Amino acid sequence: MRVGLYPGSFDPVTNGHLDVIQRAVTLFDRLIVAVAFNDQKHKTTLFEIDERVLLLEEACANLRTVRVMRLAGLLVDFAKEENVLAIVRGLRAISD
């Protein structure tokens, strides 16, 4: 099974994120959308982790091969645990 992983904070989830997800589902048998959080950082977020997961689950409800999960540790460890073939990344503006 070809498993893809699309990690991010998704705070908030945007149309750009959803476009990447729509494109990525065509490349894999299963796509994991991993909502990253780090309790050790004192970064202020717009939405709590549970809200971000719920928003993504609702946005991806019609995509049966998408699974939304929390990502708390290292990306490499998570990818190994889930037998991920490839990590999906979007493009960012040069100003980021």
C-alpha atoms as a PDB file:
ATOM      1  CA  MET A   1       0.000   0.000   0.000  1.00  0.00           C
ATOM      2  CA  ARG A   2       1.351   3.428  -0.977  1.00  0.00           C
ATOM      3  CA  VAL A   3       0.945   5.774   1.992  1.00  0.00           C
ATOM      4  CA  GLY A   4       1.544   9.512   1.720  1.00  0.00           C
ATOM      5  CA  LEU A   5       1.991  11.934   4.610  1.00  0.00           C
ATOM      6  CA  TYR A   6       1.021  15.608   4.521  1.00  0.00           C
ATOM      7  CA  PRO A   7       2.185  17.257   7.765  1.00  0.00           C
ATOM      8  CA  GLY A   8       1.472  20.784   8.915  1.00  0.00           C
ATOM      9  CA  SER A   9       0.101  22.940  11.697  1.00  0.00           C
ATOM     10  CA  PHE A  10      -3.012  23.791   9.666  1.00  0.00           C
ATOM     11  CA  ASP A  11      -3.715  26.827  11.832  1.00  0.00           C
ATOM     12  CA  PRO A  12      -6.069  27.463  10.183  1.00  0.00           C
ATOM     13  CA  VAL A  13      -6.677  25.027   7.354  1.00  0.00           C
ATOM     14  CA  THR A  14      -6.778  26.967   4.076  1.00  0.00           C
ATOM     15  CA  ASN A  15      -8.016  26.419   0.542  1.00  0.00           C
ATOM     16  CA  GLY A  16      -4.363  25.961  -0.404  1.00  0.00           C
ATOM     17  CA  HIS A  17      -4.037  23.078   2.064  1.00  0.00           C
ATOM     18  CA  LEU A  18      -7.206  21.499   0.699  1.00  0.00           C
ATOM     19  CA  ASP A  19      -5.912  21.833  -2.863  1.00  0.00           C
ATOM     20  CA  VAL A  20      -2.704  19.997  -1.931  1.00  0.00           C
ATOM     21  CA  ILE A  21      -4.779  17.268  -0.250  1.00  0.00           C
ATOM     22  CA  GLN A  22      -7.019  16.903  -3.328  1.00  0.00           C
ATOM     23  CA  ARG A  23      -3.960  16.495  -5.543  1.00  0.00           C
ATOM     24  CA  ALA A  24      -2.159  14.140  -3.159  1.00  0.00           C
ATOM     25  CA  VAL A  25      -5.048  11.661  -2.832  1.00  0.00           C
ATOM     26  CA  THR A  26      -4.582  10.813  -6.504  1.00  0.00           C
ATOM     27  CA  LEU A  27      -0.983   9.719  -5.847  1.00  0.00           C
ATOM     28  CA  PHE A  28      -1.460   7.358  -2.891  1.00  0.00           C
ATOM     29  CA  ASP A  29      -3.666   4.527  -1.703  1.00  0.00           C
ATOM     30  CA  ARG A  30      -3.930   6.302   1.643  1.00  0.00           C
ATOM     31  CA  LEU A  31      -3.061   9.862   2.660  1.00  0.00           C
ATOM     32  CA  ILE A  32      -2.370  10.800   6.256  1.00  0.00           C
ATOM     33  CA  VAL A  33      -2.904  14.469   7.056  1.00  0.00           C
ATOM     34  CA  ALA A  34      -0.852  14.963  10.223  1.00  0.00           C
ATOM     35  CA  VAL A  35      -1.732  17.954  12.384  1.00  0.00           C
ATOM     36  CA  ALA A  36       1.474  18.902  14.180  1.00  0.00           C
ATOM     37  CA  PHE A  37       1.635  20.336  17.665  1.00  0.00           C
ATOM     38  CA  ASN A  38       4.321  20.786  20.282  1.00  0.00           C
ATOM     39  CA  ASP A  39       3.305  21.314  23.898  1.00  0.00           C
ATOM     40  CA  GLN A  40       6.881  22.345  24.730  1.00  0.00           C
ATOM     41  CA  LYS A  41       6.672  25.450  22.556  1.00  0.00           C
ATOM     42  CA  HIS A  42       4.831  28.421  23.937  1.00  0.00           C
ATOM     43  CA  LYS A  43       3.570  29.444  20.524  1.00  0.00           C
ATOM     44  CA  THR A  44       0.130  30.980  20.411  1.00  0.00           C
ATOM     45  CA  THR A  45      -2.165  29.250  17.950  1.00  0.00           C
ATOM     46  CA  LEU A  46      -5.405  30.482  16.474  1.00  0.00           C
ATOM     47  CA  PHE A  47      -7.097  27.101  17.005  1.00  0.00           C
ATOM     48  CA  GLU A  48      -6.468  24.349  19.546  1.00  0.00           C
ATOM     49  CA  ILE A  49      -5.244  20.991  18.218  1.00  0.00           C
ATOM     50  CA  ASP A  50      -8.662  19.339  18.622  1.00  0.00           C
ATOM     51  CA  GLU A  51     -10.319  22.135  16.642  1.00  0.00           C
ATOM     52  CA  ARG A  52      -7.767  21.862  13.825  1.00  0.00           C
ATOM     53  CA  VAL A  53      -8.236  18.090  13.622  1.00  0.00           C
ATOM     54  CA  LEU A  54     -12.028  18.480  13.546  1.00  0.00           C
ATOM     55  CA  LEU A  55     -11.881  21.173  10.847  1.00  0.00           C
ATOM     56  CA  LEU A  56      -9.698  18.951   8.662  1.00  0.00           C
ATOM     57  CA  GLU A  57     -11.868  15.886   9.254  1.00  0.00           C
ATOM     58  CA  GLU A  58     -14.928  17.847   8.166  1.00  0.00           C
ATOM     59  CA  ALA A  59     -13.137  19.329   5.150  1.00  0.00           C
ATOM     60  CA  CYS A  60     -11.914  15.878   4.046  1.00  0.00           C
ATOM     61  CA  ALA A  61     -15.084  13.934   4.863  1.00  0.00           C
ATOM     62  CA  ASN A  62     -15.730  13.166   1.174  1.00  0.00           C
ATOM     63  CA  LEU A  63     -12.183  11.831   0.644  1.00  0.00           C
ATOM     64  CA  ARG A  64     -12.372   8.247   1.897  1.00  0.00           C
ATOM     65  CA  THR A  65      -8.621   7.574   1.642  1.00  0.00           C
ATOM     66  CA  VAL A  66      -7.686  10.502   3.899  1.00  0.00           C
ATOM     67  CA  ARG A  67      -7.002   9.956   7.578  1.00  0.00           C
ATOM     68  CA  VAL A  68      -6.441  12.965   9.845  1.00  0.00           C
ATOM     69  CA  MET A  69      -4.088  12.311  12.773  1.00  0.00           C
ATOM     70  CA  ARG A  70      -2.237  14.247  15.456  1.00  0.00           C
ATOM     71  CA  LEU A  71       1.556  14.518  15.190  1.00  0.00           C
ATOM     72  CA  ALA A  72       3.321  15.229  18.477  1.00  0.00           C
ATOM     73  CA  GLY A  73       6.791  13.727  18.018  1.00  0.00           C
ATOM     74  CA  LEU A  74       9.388  13.708  15.287  1.00  0.00           C
ATOM     75  CA  LEU A  75       8.116  13.547  11.725  1.00  0.00           C
ATOM     76  CA  VAL A  76      10.633  10.848  10.782  1.00  0.00           C
ATOM     77  CA  ASP A  77       9.471   8.575  13.614  1.00  0.00           C
ATOM     78  CA  PHE A  78       5.818   9.089  12.719  1.00  0.00           C
ATOM     79  CA  ALA A  79       6.545   8.341   9.055  1.00  0.00           C
ATOM     80  CA  LYS A  80       8.333   5.104   9.957  1.00  0.00           C
ATOM     81  CA  GLU A  81       5.499   3.990  12.257  1.00  0.00           C
ATOM     82  CA  GLU A  82       2.921   4.561   9.515  1.00  0.00           C
ATOM     83  CA  ASN A  83       5.050   3.003   6.719  1.00  0.00           C
ATOM     84  CA  VAL A  84       4.996   6.237   4.729  1.00  0.00           C
ATOM     85  CA  LEU A  85       6.328   6.141   1.176  1.00  0.00           C
ATOM     86  CA  ALA A  86       6.564   9.919   0.655  1.00  0.00           C
ATOM     87  CA  ILE A  87       6.030  13.200   2.476  1.00  0.00           C
ATOM     88  CA  VAL A  88       3.873  15.745   0.651  1.00  0.00           C
ATOM     89  CA  ARG A  89       4.836  19.408   0.849  1.00  0.00           C
ATOM     90  CA  GLY A  90       3.190  22.479  -0.581  1.00  0.00           C
ATOM     91  CA  LEU A  91       4.995  25.435  -2.119  1.00  0.00           C
ATOM     92  CA  ARG A  92       5.467  28.624  -0.182  1.00  0.00           C
ATOM     93  CA  ALA A  93       6.065  32.158  -1.341  1.00  0.00           C
ATOM     94  CA  ILE A  94       9.651  33.386  -1.300  1.00  0.00           C
ATOM     95  CA  SER A  95       8.595  35.985   1.281  1.00  0.00           C
ATOM     96  CA  ASP A  96       7.832  33.277   3.912  1.00  0.00           C
END
